[in-house]
PDB file of all heavy atoms in Angstrom:
ATOM      1  N   ASP A   1     -10.012  70.446 -23.454  1.00  0.00           N
ATOM      2  CA  ASP A   1      -8.995  69.449 -23.790  1.00  0.00           C
ATOM      3  C   ASP A   1      -8.330  69.771 -25.116  1.00  0.00           C
ATOM      4  O   ASP A   1      -7.106  69.646 -25.264  1.00  0.00           O
ATOM      5  CB  ASP A   1      -9.618  68.058 -23.850  1.00  0.00           C
ATOM      6  CG  ASP A   1      -9.925  67.463 -22.482  1.00  0.00           C
ATOM      7  OD1 ASP A   1      -9.550  68.085 -21.469  1.00  0.00           O
ATOM      8  OD2 ASP A   1     -10.541  66.382 -22.436  1.00  0.00           O
ATOM      9  N   ALA A   2      -9.128  70.197 -26.104  1.00  0.00           N
ATOM     10  CA  ALA A   2      -8.574  70.520 -27.416  1.00  0.00           C
ATOM     11  C   ALA A   2      -7.657  71.730 -27.341  1.00  0.00           C
ATOM     12  O   ALA A   2      -6.575  71.745 -27.954  1.00  0.00           O
ATOM     13  CB  ALA A   2      -9.703  70.767 -28.410  1.00  0.00           C
ATOM     14  N   LEU A   3      -8.058  72.751 -26.605  1.00  0.00           N
ATOM     15  CA  LEU A   3      -7.217  73.937 -26.446  1.00  0.00           C
ATOM     16  C   LEU A   3      -5.883  73.576 -25.812  1.00  0.00           C
ATOM     17  O   LEU A   3      -4.808  74.000 -26.271  1.00  0.00           O
ATOM     18  CB  LEU A   3      -7.935  74.982 -25.592  1.00  0.00           C
ATOM     19  CG  LEU A   3      -9.078  75.735 -26.266  1.00  0.00           C
ATOM     20  CD1 LEU A   3      -9.954  76.425 -25.227  1.00  0.00           C
ATOM     21  CD2 LEU A   3      -8.528  76.769 -27.242  1.00  0.00           C
ATOM     22  N   GLN A   4      -5.923  72.768 -24.764  1.00  0.00           N
ATOM     23  CA  GLN A   4      -4.693  72.383 -24.080  1.00  0.00           C
ATOM     24  C   GLN A   4      -3.822  71.509 -24.980  1.00  0.00           C
ATOM     25  O   GLN A   4      -2.583  71.631 -24.975  1.00  0.00           O
ATOM     26  CB  GLN A   4      -5.016  71.663 -22.778  1.00  0.00           C
ATOM     27  CG  GLN A   4      -5.654  72.568 -21.733  1.00  0.00           C
ATOM     28  CD  GLN A   4      -5.891  71.861 -20.411  1.00  0.00           C
ATOM     29  OE1 GLN A   4      -5.920  70.628 -20.348  1.00  0.00           O
ATOM     30  NE2 GLN A   4      -6.063  72.623 -19.354  1.00  0.00           N
ATOM     31  N   ARG A   5      -4.435  70.651 -25.759  1.00  0.00           N
ATOM     32  CA  ARG A   5      -3.672  69.785 -26.652  1.00  0.00           C
ATOM     33  C   ARG A   5      -2.915  70.597 -27.694  1.00  0.00           C
ATOM     34  O   ARG A   5      -1.744  70.315 -27.984  1.00  0.00           O
ATOM     35  CB  ARG A   5      -4.598  68.790 -27.355  1.00  0.00           C
ATOM     36  CG  ARG A   5      -3.872  67.889 -28.355  1.00  0.00           C
ATOM     37  CD  ARG A   5      -4.832  67.048 -29.171  1.00  0.00           C
ATOM     38  NE  ARG A   5      -5.590  66.109 -28.344  1.00  0.00           N
ATOM     39  CZ  ARG A   5      -6.463  65.235 -28.840  1.00  0.00           C
ATOM     40  NH1 ARG A   5      -6.695  65.209 -30.154  1.00  0.00           N
ATOM     41  NH2 ARG A   5      -7.108  64.421 -28.050  1.00  0.00           N
ATOM     42  N   VAL A   6      -3.562  71.605 -28.249  1.00  0.00           N
ATOM     43  CA  VAL A   6      -2.951  72.374 -29.334  1.00  0.00           C
ATOM     44  C   VAL A   6      -1.935  73.382 -28.803  1.00  0.00           C
ATOM     45  O   VAL A   6      -0.835  73.520 -29.343  1.00  0.00           O
ATOM     46  CB  VAL A   6      -4.036  73.081 -30.168  1.00  0.00           C
ATOM     47  CG1 VAL A   6      -3.408  73.979 -31.224  1.00  0.00           C
ATOM     48  CG2 VAL A   6      -4.940  72.048 -30.841  1.00  0.00           C
ATOM     49  N   VAL A   7      -2.287  74.098 -27.753  1.00  0.00           N
ATOM     50  CA  VAL A   7      -1.389  75.119 -27.209  1.00  0.00           C
ATOM     51  C   VAL A   7      -0.229  74.473 -26.469  1.00  0.00           C
ATOM     52  O   VAL A   7       0.892  75.003 -26.486  1.00  0.00           O
ATOM     53  CB  VAL A   7      -2.179  76.079 -26.292  1.00  0.00           C
ATOM     54  CG1 VAL A   7      -1.254  77.025 -25.543  1.00  0.00           C
ATOM     55  CG2 VAL A   7      -3.175  76.888 -27.120  1.00  0.00           C
ATOM     56  N   THR A   8      -0.450  73.358 -25.828  1.00  0.00           N
ATOM     57  CA  THR A   8       0.490  72.601 -25.004  1.00  0.00           C
ATOM     58  C   THR A   8       0.884  73.390 -23.754  1.00  0.00           C
ATOM     59  O   THR A   8       0.587  74.579 -23.636  1.00  0.00           O
ATOM     60  CB  THR A   8       1.767  72.172 -25.770  1.00  0.00           C
ATOM     61  OG1 THR A   8       2.642  73.296 -25.925  1.00  0.00           O
ATOM     62  CG2 THR A   8       1.421  71.561 -27.109  1.00  0.00           C
ATOM     63  N   GLU A   9       1.584  72.743 -22.863  1.00  0.00           N
ATOM     64  CA  GLU A   9       1.991  73.389 -21.618  1.00  0.00           C
ATOM     65  C   GLU A   9       3.027  74.482 -21.838  1.00  0.00           C
ATOM     66  O   GLU A   9       3.299  75.272 -20.936  1.00  0.00           O
ATOM     67  CB  GLU A   9       2.533  72.346 -20.636  1.00  0.00           C
ATOM     68  CG  GLU A   9       1.463  71.402 -20.111  1.00  0.00           C
ATOM     69  CD  GLU A   9       2.007  70.433 -19.074  1.00  0.00           C
ATOM     70  OE1 GLU A   9       3.246  70.397 -18.894  1.00  0.00           O
ATOM     71  OE2 GLU A   9       1.193  69.736 -18.457  1.00  0.00           O
ATOM     72  N   SER A  10       3.601  74.549 -23.038  1.00  0.00           N
ATOM     73  CA  SER A  10       4.539  75.628 -23.339  1.00  0.00           C
ATOM     74  C   SER A  10       3.822  76.935 -23.648  1.00  0.00           C
ATOM     75  O   SER A  10       4.444  77.997 -23.680  1.00  0.00           O
ATOM     76  CB  SER A  10       5.427  75.245 -24.533  1.00  0.00           C
ATOM     77  OG  SER A  10       4.661  75.126 -25.723  1.00  0.00           O
ATOM     78  N   GLY A  11       2.530  76.881 -23.892  1.00  0.00           N
ATOM     79  CA  GLY A  11       1.714  78.063 -24.136  1.00  0.00           C
ATOM     80  C   GLY A  11       0.822  78.360 -22.955  1.00  0.00           C
ATOM     81  O   GLY A  11       0.952  77.758 -21.886  1.00  0.00           O
ATOM     82  N   THR A  12      -0.115  79.285 -23.151  1.00  0.00           N
ATOM     83  CA  THR A  12      -1.001  79.702 -22.060  1.00  0.00           C
ATOM     84  C   THR A  12      -2.406  79.937 -22.608  1.00  0.00           C
ATOM     85  O   THR A  12      -2.565  80.635 -23.613  1.00  0.00           O
ATOM     86  CB  THR A  12      -0.490  80.990 -21.392  1.00  0.00           C
ATOM     87  OG1 THR A  12       0.877  80.820 -21.013  1.00  0.00           O
ATOM     88  CG2 THR A  12      -1.312  81.330 -20.156  1.00  0.00           C
ATOM     89  N   VAL A  13      -3.385  79.359 -21.949  1.00  0.00           N
ATOM     90  CA  VAL A  13      -4.803  79.581 -22.275  1.00  0.00           C
ATOM     91  C   VAL A  13      -5.405  80.440 -21.175  1.00  0.00           C
ATOM     92  O   VAL A  13      -5.246  80.143 -19.987  1.00  0.00           O
ATOM     93  CB  VAL A  13      -5.563  78.248 -22.392  1.00  0.00           C
ATOM     94  CG1 VAL A  13      -7.043  78.506 -22.679  1.00  0.00           C
ATOM     95  CG2 VAL A  13      -4.954  77.366 -23.480  1.00  0.00           C
ATOM     96  N   VAL A  14      -6.101  81.506 -21.570  1.00  0.00           N
ATOM     97  CA  VAL A  14      -6.699  82.452 -20.622  1.00  0.00           C
ATOM     98  C   VAL A  14      -8.171  82.612 -20.968  1.00  0.00           C
ATOM     99  O   VAL A  14      -8.533  82.678 -22.155  1.00  0.00           O
ATOM    100  CB  VAL A  14      -5.998  83.825 -20.689  1.00  0.00           C
ATOM    101  CG1 VAL A  14      -6.546  84.765 -19.613  1.00  0.00           C
ATOM    102  CG2 VAL A  14      -4.486  83.674 -20.566  1.00  0.00           C
ATOM    103  N   MET A  15      -9.023  82.689 -19.963  1.00  0.00           N
ATOM    104  CA  MET A  15     -10.450  82.934 -20.188  1.00  0.00           C
ATOM    105  C   MET A  15     -10.988  83.884 -19.132  1.00  0.00           C
ATOM    106  O   MET A  15     -10.572  83.826 -17.964  1.00  0.00           O
ATOM    107  CB  MET A  15     -11.254  81.628 -20.119  1.00  0.00           C
ATOM    108  CG  MET A  15     -10.908  80.611 -21.172  1.00  0.00           C
ATOM    109  SD  MET A  15     -12.069  79.209 -21.154  1.00  0.00           S
ATOM    110  CE  MET A  15     -11.130  78.006 -22.095  1.00  0.00           C
ATOM    111  N   PRO A  16     -11.937  84.751 -19.505  1.00  0.00           N
ATOM    112  CA  PRO A  16     -12.618  85.569 -18.491  1.00  0.00           C
ATOM    113  C   PRO A  16     -13.534  84.683 -17.657  1.00  0.00           C
ATOM    114  O   PRO A  16     -14.249  83.831 -18.194  1.00  0.00           O
ATOM    115  CB  PRO A  16     -13.410  86.571 -19.323  1.00  0.00           C
ATOM    116  CG  PRO A  16     -13.615  85.905 -20.644  1.00  0.00           C
ATOM    117  CD  PRO A  16     -12.417  85.028 -20.862  1.00  0.00           C
ATOM    118  N   THR A  17     -13.499  84.886 -16.347  1.00  0.00           N
ATOM    119  CA  THR A  17     -14.342  84.109 -15.423  1.00  0.00           C
ATOM    120  C   THR A  17     -15.089  85.073 -14.506  1.00  0.00           C
ATOM    121  O   THR A  17     -15.078  84.931 -13.285  1.00  0.00           O
ATOM    122  CB  THR A  17     -13.492  83.118 -14.604  1.00  0.00           C
ATOM    123  OG1 THR A  17     -12.368  83.820 -14.022  1.00  0.00           O
ATOM    124  CG2 THR A  17     -12.969  81.989 -15.472  1.00  0.00           C
ATOM    125  N   HIS A  18     -15.726  86.057 -15.107  1.00  0.00           N
ATOM    126  CA  HIS A  18     -16.337  87.138 -14.338  1.00  0.00           C
ATOM    127  C   HIS A  18     -17.491  86.631 -13.473  1.00  0.00           C
ATOM    128  O   HIS A  18     -18.175  85.653 -13.816  1.00  0.00           O
ATOM    129  CB  HIS A  18     -16.839  88.231 -15.284  1.00  0.00           C
ATOM    130  CG  HIS A  18     -15.745  88.831 -16.118  1.00  0.00           C
ATOM    131  ND1 HIS A  18     -15.990  89.768 -17.097  1.00  0.00           N
ATOM    132  CD2 HIS A  18     -14.399  88.638 -16.126  1.00  0.00           C
ATOM    133  CE1 HIS A  18     -14.851  90.119 -17.659  1.00  0.00           C
ATOM    134  NE2 HIS A  18     -13.874  89.439 -17.095  1.00  0.00           N
ATOM    135  N   SER A  19     -17.698  87.321 -12.372  1.00  0.00           N
ATOM    136  CA  SER A  19     -18.736  86.935 -11.400  1.00  0.00           C
ATOM    137  C   SER A  19     -19.472  88.193 -10.948  1.00  0.00           C
ATOM    138  O   SER A  19     -19.405  88.568  -9.771  1.00  0.00           O
ATOM    139  CB  SER A  19     -18.107  86.201 -10.208  1.00  0.00           C
ATOM    140  OG  SER A  19     -16.988  86.921  -9.706  1.00  0.00           O
ATOM    141  N   THR A  20     -20.168  88.823 -11.873  1.00  0.00           N
ATOM    142  CA  THR A  20     -20.816  90.103 -11.578  1.00  0.00           C
ATOM    143  C   THR A  20     -22.016  89.959 -10.660  1.00  0.00           C
ATOM    144  O   THR A  20     -22.574  90.972 -10.212  1.00  0.00           O
ATOM    145  CB  THR A  20     -21.234  90.803 -12.873  1.00  0.00           C
ATOM    146  OG1 THR A  20     -21.994  89.897 -13.683  1.00  0.00           O
ATOM    147  CG2 THR A  20     -20.013  91.246 -13.665  1.00  0.00           C
ATOM    148  N   GLN A  21     -22.421  88.731 -10.351  1.00  0.00           N
ATOM    149  CA  GLN A  21     -23.467  88.525  -9.341  1.00  0.00           C
ATOM    150  C   GLN A  21     -22.996  88.932  -7.950  1.00  0.00           C
ATOM    151  O   GLN A  21     -23.786  89.009  -7.019  1.00  0.00           O
ATOM    152  CB  GLN A  21     -23.932  87.064  -9.344  1.00  0.00           C
ATOM    153  CG  GLN A  21     -22.966  86.059  -8.728  1.00  0.00           C
ATOM    154  CD  GLN A  21     -21.937  85.528  -9.708  1.00  0.00           C
ATOM    155  OE1 GLN A  21     -21.625  86.166 -10.696  1.00  0.00           O
ATOM    156  NE2 GLN A  21     -21.424  84.333  -9.439  1.00  0.00           N
ATOM    157  N   TYR A  22     -21.698  89.218  -7.809  1.00  0.00           N
ATOM    158  CA  TYR A  22     -21.137  89.660  -6.534  1.00  0.00           C
ATOM    159  C   TYR A  22     -20.994  91.171  -6.450  1.00  0.00           C
ATOM    160  O   TYR A  22     -20.441  91.705  -5.499  1.00  0.00           O
ATOM    161  CB  TYR A  22     -19.777  88.977  -6.304  1.00  0.00           C
ATOM    162  CG  TYR A  22     -19.939  87.587  -5.745  1.00  0.00           C
ATOM    163  CD1 TYR A  22     -20.514  86.582  -6.508  1.00  0.00           C
ATOM    164  CD2 TYR A  22     -19.566  87.289  -4.449  1.00  0.00           C
ATOM    165  CE1 TYR A  22     -20.710  85.309  -6.001  1.00  0.00           C
ATOM    166  CE2 TYR A  22     -19.757  86.013  -3.927  1.00  0.00           C
ATOM    167  CZ  TYR A  22     -20.331  85.033  -4.714  1.00  0.00           C
ATOM    168  OH  TYR A  22     -20.533  83.780  -4.198  1.00  0.00           O
ATOM    169  N   SER A  23     -21.512  91.884  -7.449  1.00  0.00           N
ATOM    170  CA  SER A  23     -21.419  93.340  -7.465  1.00  0.00           C
ATOM    171  C   SER A  23     -22.443  93.966  -6.515  1.00  0.00           C
ATOM    172  O   SER A  23     -23.272  93.278  -5.915  1.00  0.00           O
ATOM    173  CB  SER A  23     -21.642  93.865  -8.883  1.00  0.00           C
ATOM    174  OG  SER A  23     -22.937  93.500  -9.352  1.00  0.00           O
ATOM    175  N   ASP A  24     -22.382  95.283  -6.404  1.00  0.00           N
ATOM    176  CA  ASP A  24     -23.291  96.030  -5.531  1.00  0.00           C
ATOM    177  C   ASP A  24     -24.714  95.919  -6.077  1.00  0.00           C
ATOM    178  O   ASP A  24     -24.981  96.331  -7.213  1.00  0.00           O
ATOM    179  CB  ASP A  24     -22.856  97.493  -5.486  1.00  0.00           C
ATOM    180  CG  ASP A  24     -23.604  98.293  -4.437  1.00  0.00           C
ATOM    181  OD1 ASP A  24     -24.710  97.885  -4.033  1.00  0.00           O
ATOM    182  OD2 ASP A  24     -23.077  99.343  -4.022  1.00  0.00           O
ATOM    183  N   PRO A  25     -25.660  95.360  -5.316  1.00  0.00           N
ATOM    184  CA  PRO A  25     -27.023  95.178  -5.829  1.00  0.00           C
ATOM    185  C   PRO A  25     -27.749  96.482  -6.131  1.00  0.00           C
ATOM    186  O   PRO A  25     -28.781  96.462  -6.811  1.00  0.00           O
ATOM    187  CB  PRO A  25     -27.723  94.385  -4.714  1.00  0.00           C
ATOM    188  CG  PRO A  25     -26.910  94.638  -3.492  1.00  0.00           C
ATOM    189  CD  PRO A  25     -25.503  94.808  -3.961  1.00  0.00           C
ATOM    190  N   THR A  26     -27.238  97.626  -5.665  1.00  0.00           N
ATOM    191  CA  THR A  26     -27.906  98.896  -5.979  1.00  0.00           C
ATOM    192  C   THR A  26     -27.835  99.223  -7.464  1.00  0.00           C
ATOM    193  O   THR A  26     -28.627 100.037  -7.947  1.00  0.00           O
ATOM    194  CB  THR A  26     -27.289 100.053  -5.177  1.00  0.00           C
ATOM    195  OG1 THR A  26     -25.897 100.180  -5.508  1.00  0.00           O
ATOM    196  CG2 THR A  26     -27.456  99.837  -3.689  1.00  0.00           C
ATOM    197  N   VAL A  27     -26.899  98.607  -8.204  1.00  0.00           N
ATOM    198  CA  VAL A  27     -26.758  98.923  -9.626  1.00  0.00           C
ATOM    199  C   VAL A  27     -27.331  97.831 -10.519  1.00  0.00           C
ATOM    200  O   VAL A  27     -27.255  97.924 -11.738  1.00  0.00           O
ATOM    201  CB  VAL A  27     -25.278  99.168  -9.995  1.00  0.00           C
ATOM    202  CG1 VAL A  27     -24.704 100.307  -9.183  1.00  0.00           C
ATOM    203  CG2 VAL A  27     -24.433  97.901  -9.809  1.00  0.00           C
ATOM    204  N   TRP A  28     -27.917  96.806  -9.947  1.00  0.00           N
ATOM    205  CA  TRP A  28     -28.449  95.718 -10.767  1.00  0.00           C
ATOM    206  C   TRP A  28     -29.665  96.189 -11.566  1.00  0.00           C
ATOM    207  O   TRP A  28     -30.517  96.923 -11.063  1.00  0.00           O
ATOM    208  CB  TRP A  28     -28.864  94.546  -9.885  1.00  0.00           C
ATOM    209  CG  TRP A  28     -27.709  93.842  -9.237  1.00  0.00           C
ATOM    210  CD1 TRP A  28     -26.371  94.074  -9.433  1.00  0.00           C
ATOM    211  CD2 TRP A  28     -27.792  92.796  -8.272  1.00  0.00           C
ATOM    212  NE1 TRP A  28     -25.619  93.244  -8.650  1.00  0.00           N
ATOM    213  CE2 TRP A  28     -26.457  92.440  -7.925  1.00  0.00           C
ATOM    214  CE3 TRP A  28     -28.838  92.132  -7.661  1.00  0.00           C
ATOM    215  CZ2 TRP A  28     -26.168  91.437  -6.995  1.00  0.00           C
ATOM    216  CZ3 TRP A  28     -28.557  91.137  -6.740  1.00  0.00           C
ATOM    217  CH2 TRP A  28     -27.233  90.804  -6.418  1.00  0.00           C
ATOM    218  N   SER A  29     -29.730  95.726 -12.809  1.00  0.00           N
ATOM    219  CA  SER A  29     -30.877  96.088 -13.651  1.00  0.00           C
ATOM    220  C   SER A  29     -31.426  94.901 -14.429  1.00  0.00           C
ATOM    221  O   SER A  29     -32.477  95.024 -15.062  1.00  0.00           O
ATOM    222  CB  SER A  29     -30.477  97.204 -14.630  1.00  0.00           C
ATOM    223  OG  SER A  29     -29.431  96.780 -15.486  1.00  0.00           O
ATOM    224  N   ASP A  30     -30.753  93.754 -14.411  1.00  0.00           N
ATOM    225  CA  ASP A  30     -31.180  92.625 -15.242  1.00  0.00           C
ATOM    226  C   ASP A  30     -31.105  91.317 -14.458  1.00  0.00           C
ATOM    227  O   ASP A  30     -30.279  90.454 -14.740  1.00  0.00           O
ATOM    228  CB  ASP A  30     -30.289  92.549 -16.485  1.00  0.00           C
ATOM    229  CG  ASP A  30     -30.814  91.548 -17.513  1.00  0.00           C
ATOM    230  OD1 ASP A  30     -32.023  91.241 -17.475  1.00  0.00           O
ATOM    231  OD2 ASP A  30     -30.008  91.070 -18.329  1.00  0.00           O
ATOM    232  N   PRO A  31     -31.985  91.136 -13.433  1.00  0.00           N
ATOM    233  CA  PRO A  31     -33.059  92.046 -13.053  1.00  0.00           C
ATOM    234  C   PRO A  31     -32.641  92.962 -11.896  1.00  0.00           C
ATOM    235  O   PRO A  31     -31.693  92.660 -11.163  1.00  0.00           O
ATOM    236  CB  PRO A  31     -34.145  91.077 -12.576  1.00  0.00           C
ATOM    237  CG  PRO A  31     -33.350  89.964 -11.935  1.00  0.00           C
ATOM    238  CD  PRO A  31     -32.097  89.828 -12.760  1.00  0.00           C
ATOM    239  N   ALA A  32     -33.388  94.034 -11.724  1.00  0.00           N
ATOM    240  CA  ALA A  32     -33.263  94.845 -10.514  1.00  0.00           C
ATOM    241  C   ALA A  32     -33.942  94.097  -9.360  1.00  0.00           C
ATOM    242  O   ALA A  32     -34.788  93.226  -9.570  1.00  0.00           O
ATOM    243  CB  ALA A  32     -33.920  96.202 -10.715  1.00  0.00           C
ATOM    244  N   VAL A  33     -33.553  94.430  -8.139  1.00  0.00           N
ATOM    245  CA  VAL A  33     -34.170  93.809  -6.971  1.00  0.00           C
ATOM    246  C   VAL A  33     -34.862  94.892  -6.151  1.00  0.00           C
ATOM    247  O   VAL A  33     -34.513  96.075  -6.248  1.00  0.00           O
ATOM    248  CB  VAL A  33     -33.130  93.072  -6.105  1.00  0.00           C
ATOM    249  CG1 VAL A  33     -32.540  91.890  -6.863  1.00  0.00           C
ATOM    250  CG2 VAL A  33     -32.020  94.015  -5.643  1.00  0.00           C
ATOM    251  N   PRO A  34     -35.853  94.513  -5.346  1.00  0.00           N
ATOM    252  CA  PRO A  34     -36.539  95.515  -4.515  1.00  0.00           C
ATOM    253  C   PRO A  34     -35.555  96.233  -3.597  1.00  0.00           C
ATOM    254  O   PRO A  34     -34.563  95.658  -3.135  1.00  0.00           O
ATOM    255  CB  PRO A  34     -37.534  94.668  -3.712  1.00  0.00           C
ATOM    256  CG  PRO A  34     -37.768  93.453  -4.549  1.00  0.00           C
ATOM    257  CD  PRO A  34     -36.462  93.168  -5.230  1.00  0.00           C
ATOM    258  N   ASP A  35     -35.845  97.490  -3.316  1.00  0.00           N
ATOM    259  CA  ASP A  35     -34.949  98.301  -2.487  1.00  0.00           C
ATOM    260  C   ASP A  35     -34.693  97.669  -1.124  1.00  0.00           C
ATOM    261  O   ASP A  35     -33.571  97.745  -0.596  1.00  0.00           O
ATOM    262  CB  ASP A  35     -35.536  99.706  -2.300  1.00  0.00           C
ATOM    263  CG  ASP A  35     -35.510 100.520  -3.579  1.00  0.00           C
ATOM    264  OD1 ASP A  35     -34.771 100.139  -4.508  1.00  0.00           O
ATOM    265  OD2 ASP A  35     -36.231 101.538  -3.647  1.00  0.00           O
ATOM    266  N   ASP A  36     -35.738  97.027  -0.568  1.00  0.00           N
ATOM    267  CA  ASP A  36     -35.560  96.472   0.771  1.00  0.00           C
ATOM    268  C   ASP A  36     -34.754  95.167   0.762  1.00  0.00           C
ATOM    269  O   ASP A  36     -34.461  94.604   1.818  1.00  0.00           O
ATOM    270  CB  ASP A  36     -36.906  96.281   1.475  1.00  0.00           C
ATOM    271  CG  ASP A  36     -37.832  95.341   0.734  1.00  0.00           C
ATOM    272  OD1 ASP A  36     -37.505  94.927  -0.407  1.00  0.00           O
ATOM    273  OD2 ASP A  36     -38.890  95.004   1.292  1.00  0.00           O
ATOM    274  N   TRP A  37     -34.376  94.678  -0.414  1.00  0.00           N
ATOM    275  CA  TRP A  37     -33.503  93.511  -0.498  1.00  0.00           C
ATOM    276  C   TRP A  37     -32.017  93.894  -0.439  1.00  0.00           C
ATOM    277  O   TRP A  37     -31.170  93.071  -0.122  1.00  0.00           O
ATOM    278  CB  TRP A  37     -33.732  92.766  -1.811  1.00  0.00           C
ATOM    279  CG  TRP A  37     -34.993  91.983  -1.894  1.00  0.00           C
ATOM    280  CD1 TRP A  37     -36.124  92.123  -1.144  1.00  0.00           C
ATOM    281  CD2 TRP A  37     -35.247  90.931  -2.824  1.00  0.00           C
ATOM    282  NE1 TRP A  37     -37.086  91.248  -1.546  1.00  0.00           N
ATOM    283  CE2 TRP A  37     -36.580  90.489  -2.580  1.00  0.00           C
ATOM    284  CE3 TRP A  37     -34.521  90.325  -3.830  1.00  0.00           C
ATOM    285  CZ2 TRP A  37     -37.154  89.460  -3.319  1.00  0.00           C
ATOM    286  CZ3 TRP A  37     -35.089  89.296  -4.573  1.00  0.00           C
ATOM    287  CH2 TRP A  37     -36.394  88.880  -4.308  1.00  0.00           C
ATOM    288  N   VAL A  38     -31.707  95.135  -0.795  1.00  0.00           N
ATOM    289  CA  VAL A  38     -30.314  95.520  -1.021  1.00  0.00           C
ATOM    290  C   VAL A  38     -29.445  95.269   0.204  1.00  0.00           C
ATOM    291  O   VAL A  38     -28.386  94.634   0.126  1.00  0.00           O
ATOM    292  CB  VAL A  38     -30.221  96.992  -1.462  1.00  0.00           C
ATOM    293  CG1 VAL A  38     -28.768  97.464  -1.449  1.00  0.00           C
ATOM    294  CG2 VAL A  38     -30.828  97.164  -2.847  1.00  0.00           C
ATOM    295  N   SER A  39     -29.874  95.754   1.352  1.00  0.00           N
ATOM    296  CA  SER A  39     -29.055  95.584   2.554  1.00  0.00           C
ATOM    297  C   SER A  39     -28.932  94.108   2.923  1.00  0.00           C
ATOM    298  O   SER A  39     -27.874  93.662   3.392  1.00  0.00           O
ATOM    299  CB  SER A  39     -29.641  96.382   3.715  1.00  0.00           C
ATOM    300  OG  SER A  39     -30.951  95.933   4.024  1.00  0.00           O
TER     301      SER A  39
END
């Protein structure tokens, strides 16, 4: 709310909304998953 109030609709607020839980599980390390889970 504060960001929108200060920047107003004449400006633009941008944020990263990454979702790396949707990446290929073969490269996961934090945590890694068992090999038989990957498929």
